[in-house]
Amino acid sequence: MKTQIWIAVSVYVLVAIVRKRLRLEVSLYTLLQVFSVTVFEKMPIQSALFAAPYRLDDAEDSNQLELFTF
């Protein structure tokens, strides 16, 4: 249990250092979320943070049913 706590604190401190050195304006929570999603992808941090969001309109599969259509 102590090891898991120390690892979590260490990761939090390392992410805070990365945020400070890169002068990023995003919150630590957002940065940790991006790292958790892209942990096994080899890409620059800036491109992971500022990539264009995926839109449903761009999806190729238009066979999806919609619950609420206005």
PDB file of N, CA and C in Angstrom:
ATOM      1  N   MET A   1       0.821  -1.185   0.000  1.00  0.00           N
ATOM      2  CA  MET A   1       0.000   0.000   0.000  1.00  0.00           C
ATOM      3  C   MET A   1       0.868   1.253   0.000  1.00  0.00           C
ATOM      4  N   LYS A   2       1.891   1.270   0.795  1.00  0.00           N
ATOM      5  CA  LYS A   2       2.779   2.433   0.852  1.00  0.00           C
ATOM      6  C   LYS A   2       3.461   2.665  -0.498  1.00  0.00           C
ATOM      7  N   THR A   3       3.802   1.575  -1.173  1.00  0.00           N
ATOM      8  CA  THR A   3       4.475   1.690  -2.469  1.00  0.00           C
ATOM      9  C   THR A   3       3.555   2.369  -3.480  1.00  0.00           C
ATOM     10  N   GLN A   4       2.299   1.991  -3.512  1.00  0.00           N
ATOM     11  CA  GLN A   4       1.357   2.602  -4.447  1.00  0.00           C
ATOM     12  C   GLN A   4       1.184   4.089  -4.171  1.00  0.00           C
ATOM     13  N   ILE A   5       1.143   4.466  -2.922  1.00  0.00           N
ATOM     14  CA  ILE A   5       1.013   5.878  -2.573  1.00  0.00           C
ATOM     15  C   ILE A   5       2.241   6.649  -3.022  1.00  0.00           C
ATOM     16  N   TRP A   6       3.421   6.103  -2.768  1.00  0.00           N
ATOM     17  CA  TRP A   6       4.650   6.782  -3.178  1.00  0.00           C
ATOM     18  C   TRP A   6       4.752   6.894  -4.692  1.00  0.00           C
ATOM     19  N   ILE A   7       4.318   5.872  -5.409  1.00  0.00           N
ATOM     20  CA  ILE A   7       4.340   5.924  -6.871  1.00  0.00           C
ATOM     21  C   ILE A   7       3.376   6.994  -7.368  1.00  0.00           C
ATOM     22  N   ALA A   8       2.182   7.076  -6.782  1.00  0.00           N
ATOM     23  CA  ALA A   8       1.208   8.087  -7.196  1.00  0.00           C
ATOM     24  C   ALA A   8       1.732   9.493  -6.923  1.00  0.00           C
ATOM     25  N   VAL A   9       2.345   9.703  -5.776  1.00  0.00           N
ATOM     26  CA  VAL A   9       2.914  11.014  -5.446  1.00  0.00           C
ATOM     27  C   VAL A   9       4.057  11.347  -6.393  1.00  0.00           C
ATOM     28  N   SER A  10       4.889  10.361  -6.701  1.00  0.00           N
ATOM     29  CA  SER A  10       6.015  10.580  -7.617  1.00  0.00           C
ATOM     30  C   SER A  10       5.542  10.957  -9.012  1.00  0.00           C
ATOM     31  N   VAL A  11       4.526  10.265  -9.509  1.00  0.00           N
ATOM     32  CA  VAL A  11       3.989  10.574 -10.832  1.00  0.00           C
ATOM     33  C   VAL A  11       3.393  11.972 -10.844  1.00  0.00           C
ATOM     34  N   TYR A  12       2.675  12.339  -9.794  1.00  0.00           N
ATOM     35  CA  TYR A  12       2.080  13.670  -9.712  1.00  0.00           C
ATOM     36  C   TYR A  12       3.158  14.751  -9.742  1.00  0.00           C
ATOM     37  N   VAL A  13       4.238  14.541  -8.997  1.00  0.00           N
ATOM     38  CA  VAL A  13       5.334  15.512  -8.969  1.00  0.00           C
ATOM     39  C   VAL A  13       6.024  15.591 -10.328  1.00  0.00           C
ATOM     40  N   LEU A  14       6.257  14.452 -10.973  1.00  0.00           N
ATOM     41  CA  LEU A  14       6.896  14.454 -12.288  1.00  0.00           C
ATOM     42  C   LEU A  14       6.033  15.170 -13.332  1.00  0.00           C
ATOM     43  N   VAL A  15       4.733  14.963 -13.284  1.00  0.00           N
ATOM     44  CA  VAL A  15       3.838  15.645 -14.222  1.00  0.00           C
ATOM     45  C   VAL A  15       3.828  17.145 -13.938  1.00  0.00           C
ATOM     46  N   ALA A  16       3.876  17.517 -12.674  1.00  0.00           N
ATOM     47  CA  ALA A  16       3.940  18.938 -12.328  1.00  0.00           C
ATOM     48  C   ALA A  16       5.228  19.570 -12.848  1.00  0.00           C
ATOM     49  N   ILE A  17       6.321  18.845 -12.772  1.00  0.00           N
ATOM     50  CA  ILE A  17       7.605  19.349 -13.294  1.00  0.00           C
ATOM     51  C   ILE A  17       7.538  19.505 -14.808  1.00  0.00           C
ATOM     52  N   VAL A  18       6.973  18.525 -15.499  1.00  0.00           N
ATOM     53  CA  VAL A  18       6.838  18.600 -16.961  1.00  0.00           C
ATOM     54  C   VAL A  18       5.974  19.793 -17.338  1.00  0.00           C
ATOM     55  N   ARG A  19       4.885  19.986 -16.620  1.00  0.00           N
ATOM     56  CA  ARG A  19       3.990  21.119 -16.891  1.00  0.00           C
ATOM     57  C   ARG A  19       4.710  22.448 -16.705  1.00  0.00           C
ATOM     58  N   LYS A  20       5.506  22.544 -15.663  1.00  0.00           N
ATOM     59  CA  LYS A  20       6.231  23.785 -15.382  1.00  0.00           C
ATOM     60  C   LYS A  20       7.316  24.045 -16.431  1.00  0.00           C
ATOM     61  N   ARG A  21       8.075  23.014 -16.783  1.00  0.00           N
ATOM     62  CA  ARG A  21       9.174  23.192 -17.752  1.00  0.00           C
ATOM     63  C   ARG A  21       8.679  23.510 -19.154  1.00  0.00           C
ATOM     64  N   LEU A  22       7.545  22.917 -19.538  1.00  0.00           N
ATOM     65  CA  LEU A  22       7.005  23.167 -20.872  1.00  0.00           C
ATOM     66  C   LEU A  22       6.092  24.389 -20.898  1.00  0.00           C
ATOM     67  N   ARG A  23       5.887  24.994 -19.737  1.00  0.00           N
ATOM     68  CA  ARG A  23       5.030  26.180 -19.600  1.00  0.00           C
ATOM     69  C   ARG A  23       3.643  25.938 -20.201  1.00  0.00           C
ATOM     70  N   LEU A  24       3.040  24.832 -19.803  1.00  0.00           N
ATOM     71  CA  LEU A  24       1.711  24.473 -20.299  1.00  0.00           C
ATOM     72  C   LEU A  24       0.645  25.152 -19.454  1.00  0.00           C
ATOM     73  N   GLU A  25      -0.418  25.561 -20.089  1.00  0.00           N
ATOM     74  CA  GLU A  25      -1.507  26.250 -19.395  1.00  0.00           C
ATOM     75  C   GLU A  25      -2.613  25.291 -18.932  1.00  0.00           C
ATOM     76  N   VAL A  26      -2.542  24.040 -19.323  1.00  0.00           N
ATOM     77  CA  VAL A  26      -3.582  23.084 -18.933  1.00  0.00           C
ATOM     78  C   VAL A  26      -3.402  22.690 -17.472  1.00  0.00           C
ATOM     79  N   SER A  27      -4.479  22.224 -16.869  1.00  0.00           N
ATOM     80  CA  SER A  27      -4.415  21.817 -15.471  1.00  0.00           C
ATOM     81  C   SER A  27      -3.683  20.480 -15.335  1.00  0.00           C
ATOM     82  N   LEU A  28      -3.245  20.205 -14.126  1.00  0.00           N
ATOM     83  CA  LEU A  28      -2.578  18.924 -13.884  1.00  0.00           C
ATOM     84  C   LEU A  28      -3.528  17.756 -14.120  1.00  0.00           C
ATOM     85  N   TYR A  29      -4.786  17.945 -13.771  1.00  0.00           N
ATOM     86  CA  TYR A  29      -5.778  16.894 -13.990  1.00  0.00           C
ATOM     87  C   TYR A  29      -5.896  16.575 -15.481  1.00  0.00           C
ATOM     88  N   THR A  30      -5.990  17.597 -16.312  1.00  0.00           N
ATOM     89  CA  THR A  30      -6.097  17.397 -17.762  1.00  0.00           C
ATOM     90  C   THR A  30      -4.848  16.720 -18.297  1.00  0.00           C
ATOM     91  N   LEU A  31      -3.706  17.150 -17.834  1.00  0.00           N
ATOM     92  CA  LEU A  31      -2.445  16.566 -18.276  1.00  0.00           C
ATOM     93  C   LEU A  31      -2.358  15.092 -17.883  1.00  0.00           C
ATOM     94  N   LEU A  32      -2.772  14.762 -16.677  1.00  0.00           N
ATOM     95  CA  LEU A  32      -2.778  13.359 -16.249  1.00  0.00           C
ATOM     96  C   LEU A  32      -3.760  12.529 -17.065  1.00  0.00           C
ATOM     97  N   GLN A  33      -4.905  13.101 -17.428  1.00  0.00           N
ATOM     98  CA  GLN A  33      -5.872  12.395 -18.255  1.00  0.00           C
ATOM     99  C   GLN A  33      -5.300  12.110 -19.646  1.00  0.00           C
ATOM    100  N   VAL A  34      -4.619  13.090 -20.219  1.00  0.00           N
ATOM    101  CA  VAL A  34      -4.004  12.899 -21.544  1.00  0.00           C
ATOM    102  C   VAL A  34      -2.930  11.823 -21.465  1.00  0.00           C
ATOM    103  N   PHE A  35      -2.130  11.847 -20.410  1.00  0.00           N
ATOM    104  CA  PHE A  35      -1.087  10.831 -20.259  1.00  0.00           C
ATOM    105  C   PHE A  35      -1.685   9.443 -20.067  1.00  0.00           C
ATOM    106  N   SER A  36      -2.804   9.351 -19.371  1.00  0.00           N
ATOM    107  CA  SER A  36      -3.397   8.035 -19.152  1.00  0.00           C
ATOM    108  C   SER A  36      -3.948   7.448 -20.448  1.00  0.00           C
ATOM    109  N   VAL A  37      -4.389   8.300 -21.352  1.00  0.00           N
ATOM    110  CA  VAL A  37      -4.934   7.819 -22.625  1.00  0.00           C
ATOM    111  C   VAL A  37      -3.820   7.513 -23.622  1.00  0.00           C
ATOM    112  N   THR A  38      -2.778   8.326 -23.624  1.00  0.00           N
ATOM    113  CA  THR A  38      -1.724   8.196 -24.634  1.00  0.00           C
ATOM    114  C   THR A  38      -0.441   7.603 -24.064  1.00  0.00           C
ATOM    115  N   VAL A  39      -0.565   6.782 -23.033  1.00  0.00           N
ATOM    116  CA  VAL A  39       0.630   6.280 -22.361  1.00  0.00           C
ATOM    117  C   VAL A  39       1.487   5.387 -23.273  1.00  0.00           C
ATOM    118  N   PHE A  40       0.878   4.651 -24.182  1.00  0.00           N
ATOM    119  CA  PHE A  40       1.640   3.739 -25.031  1.00  0.00           C
ATOM    120  C   PHE A  40       1.820   4.263 -26.457  1.00  0.00           C
ATOM    121  N   GLU A  41       1.470   5.503 -26.696  1.00  0.00           N
ATOM    122  CA  GLU A  41       1.651   6.102 -28.013  1.00  0.00           C
ATOM    123  C   GLU A  41       2.894   6.981 -28.008  1.00  0.00           C
ATOM    124  N   LYS A  42       3.653   6.902 -29.072  1.00  0.00           N
ATOM    125  CA  LYS A  42       4.859   7.717 -29.194  1.00  0.00           C
ATOM    126  C   LYS A  42       4.498   8.973 -29.965  1.00  0.00           C
ATOM    127  N   MET A  43       4.301  10.065 -29.227  1.00  0.00           N
ATOM    128  CA  MET A  43       3.938  11.334 -29.839  1.00  0.00           C
ATOM    129  C   MET A  43       4.375  12.471 -28.930  1.00  0.00           C
ATOM    130  N   PRO A  44       4.629  13.631 -29.496  1.00  0.00           N
ATOM    131  CA  PRO A  44       4.986  14.791 -28.674  1.00  0.00           C
ATOM    132  C   PRO A  44       3.831  15.200 -27.754  1.00  0.00           C
ATOM    133  N   ILE A  45       4.157  15.710 -26.590  1.00  0.00           N
ATOM    134  CA  ILE A  45       3.143  16.080 -25.611  1.00  0.00           C
ATOM    135  C   ILE A  45       2.238  17.182 -26.153  1.00  0.00           C
ATOM    136  N   GLN A  46       2.828  18.161 -26.825  1.00  0.00           N
ATOM    137  CA  GLN A  46       2.025  19.271 -27.333  1.00  0.00           C
ATOM    138  C   GLN A  46       0.984  18.805 -28.340  1.00  0.00           C
ATOM    139  N   SER A  47       1.342  17.843 -29.194  1.00  0.00           N
ATOM    140  CA  SER A  47       0.371  17.369 -30.181  1.00  0.00           C
ATOM    141  C   SER A  47      -0.735  16.554 -29.513  1.00  0.00           C
ATOM    142  N   ALA A  48      -0.434  15.896 -28.404  1.00  0.00           N
ATOM    143  CA  ALA A  48      -1.467  15.158 -27.681  1.00  0.00           C
ATOM    144  C   ALA A  48      -2.425  16.104 -26.975  1.00  0.00           C
ATOM    145  N   LEU A  49      -1.912  17.224 -26.509  1.00  0.00           N
ATOM    146  CA  LEU A  49      -2.748  18.178 -25.782  1.00  0.00           C
ATOM    147  C   LEU A  49      -3.603  19.032 -26.699  1.00  0.00           C
ATOM    148  N   PHE A  50      -3.051  19.418 -27.825  1.00  0.00           N
ATOM    149  CA  PHE A  50      -3.728  20.378 -28.684  1.00  0.00           C
ATOM    150  C   PHE A  50      -4.217  19.772 -29.984  1.00  0.00           C
ATOM    151  N   ALA A  51      -4.406  18.466 -30.019  1.00  0.00           N
ATOM    152  CA  ALA A  51      -4.911  17.804 -31.222  1.00  0.00           C
ATOM    153  C   ALA A  51      -6.379  18.173 -31.421  1.00  0.00           C
ATOM    154  N   ALA A  52      -6.806  18.145 -32.650  1.00  0.00           N
ATOM    155  CA  ALA A  52      -8.202  18.453 -32.956  1.00  0.00           C
ATOM    156  C   ALA A  52      -9.091  17.382 -32.344  1.00  0.00           C
ATOM    157  N   PRO A  53     -10.145  17.789 -31.663  1.00  0.00           N
ATOM    158  CA  PRO A  53     -11.027  16.797 -31.053  1.00  0.00           C
ATOM    159  C   PRO A  53     -11.775  15.990 -32.097  1.00  0.00           C
ATOM    160  N   TYR A  54     -12.052  14.754 -31.777  1.00  0.00           N
ATOM    161  CA  TYR A  54     -12.780  13.858 -32.666  1.00  0.00           C
ATOM    162  C   TYR A  54     -14.245  14.271 -32.665  1.00  0.00           C
ATOM    163  N   ARG A  55     -14.805  14.436 -33.825  1.00  0.00           N
ATOM    164  CA  ARG A  55     -16.205  14.826 -33.939  1.00  0.00           C
ATOM    165  C   ARG A  55     -17.005  13.675 -34.497  1.00  0.00           C
ATOM    166  N   LEU A  56     -18.219  13.544 -34.029  1.00  0.00           N
ATOM    167  CA  LEU A  56     -19.102  12.487 -34.491  1.00  0.00           C
ATOM    168  C   LEU A  56     -19.473  12.678 -35.952  1.00  0.00           C
ATOM    169  N   ASP A  57     -19.492  13.929 -36.418  1.00  0.00           N
ATOM    170  CA  ASP A  57     -19.836  14.209 -37.812  1.00  0.00           C
ATOM    171  C   ASP A  57     -18.808  13.622 -38.778  1.00  0.00           C
ATOM    172  N   ASP A  58     -17.569  13.464 -38.301  1.00  0.00           N
ATOM    173  CA  ASP A  58     -16.504  12.958 -39.155  1.00  0.00           C
ATOM    174  C   ASP A  58     -16.482  11.435 -39.229  1.00  0.00           C
ATOM    175  N   ALA A  59     -17.341  10.789 -38.486  1.00  0.00           N
ATOM    176  CA  ALA A  59     -17.327   9.325 -38.439  1.00  0.00           C
ATOM    177  C   ALA A  59     -17.751   8.757 -39.790  1.00  0.00           C
ATOM    178  N   GLU A  60     -17.087   7.689 -40.162  1.00  0.00           N
ATOM    179  CA  GLU A  60     -17.400   7.048 -41.430  1.00  0.00           C
ATOM    180  C   GLU A  60     -18.656   6.194 -41.325  1.00  0.00           C
ATOM    181  N   ASP A  61     -18.926   5.667 -40.140  1.00  0.00           N
ATOM    182  CA  ASP A  61     -20.053   4.783 -39.956  1.00  0.00           C
ATOM    183  C   ASP A  61     -21.294   5.617 -39.649  1.00  0.00           C
ATOM    184  N   SER A  62     -22.106   5.852 -40.644  1.00  0.00           N
ATOM    185  CA  SER A  62     -23.311   6.648 -40.450  1.00  0.00           C
ATOM    186  C   SER A  62     -24.525   5.761 -40.181  1.00  0.00           C
ATOM    187  N   ASN A  63     -24.295   4.520 -39.830  1.00  0.00           N
ATOM    188  CA  ASN A  63     -25.349   3.563 -39.577  1.00  0.00           C
ATOM    189  C   ASN A  63     -25.777   3.571 -38.111  1.00  0.00           C
ATOM    190  N   GLN A  64     -25.253   4.510 -37.326  1.00  0.00           N
ATOM    191  CA  GLN A  64     -25.543   4.590 -35.904  1.00  0.00           C
ATOM    192  C   GLN A  64     -26.911   5.215 -35.681  1.00  0.00           C
ATOM    193  N   LEU A  65     -27.723   4.604 -34.845  1.00  0.00           N
ATOM    194  CA  LEU A  65     -29.025   5.158 -34.515  1.00  0.00           C
ATOM    195  C   LEU A  65     -28.853   6.317 -33.536  1.00  0.00           C
ATOM    196  N   GLU A  66     -29.760   7.300 -33.628  1.00  0.00           N
ATOM    197  CA  GLU A  66     -29.709   8.445 -32.731  1.00  0.00           C
ATOM    198  C   GLU A  66     -30.870   8.379 -31.778  1.00  0.00           C
ATOM    199  N   LEU A  67     -30.604   8.669 -30.510  1.00  0.00           N
ATOM    200  CA  LEU A  67     -31.638   8.620 -29.505  1.00  0.00           C
ATOM    201  C   LEU A  67     -32.527   9.847 -29.559  1.00  0.00           C
ATOM    202  N   PHE A  68     -31.893  11.012 -29.640  1.00  0.00           N
ATOM    203  CA  PHE A  68     -32.652  12.263 -29.705  1.00  0.00           C
ATOM    204  C   PHE A  68     -32.311  12.983 -30.994  1.00  0.00           C
ATOM    205  N   THR A  69     -33.269  13.110 -31.890  1.00  0.00           N
ATOM    206  CA  THR A  69     -33.046  13.882 -33.102  1.00  0.00           C
ATOM    207  C   THR A  69     -34.010  15.050 -33.104  1.00  0.00           C
ATOM    208  N   PHE A  70     -33.486  16.214 -33.177  1.00  0.00           N
ATOM    209  CA  PHE A  70     -34.310  17.427 -33.138  1.00  0.00           C
ATOM    210  C   PHE A  70     -34.353  18.075 -34.478  1.00  0.00           C
TER     211      PHE A  70
END
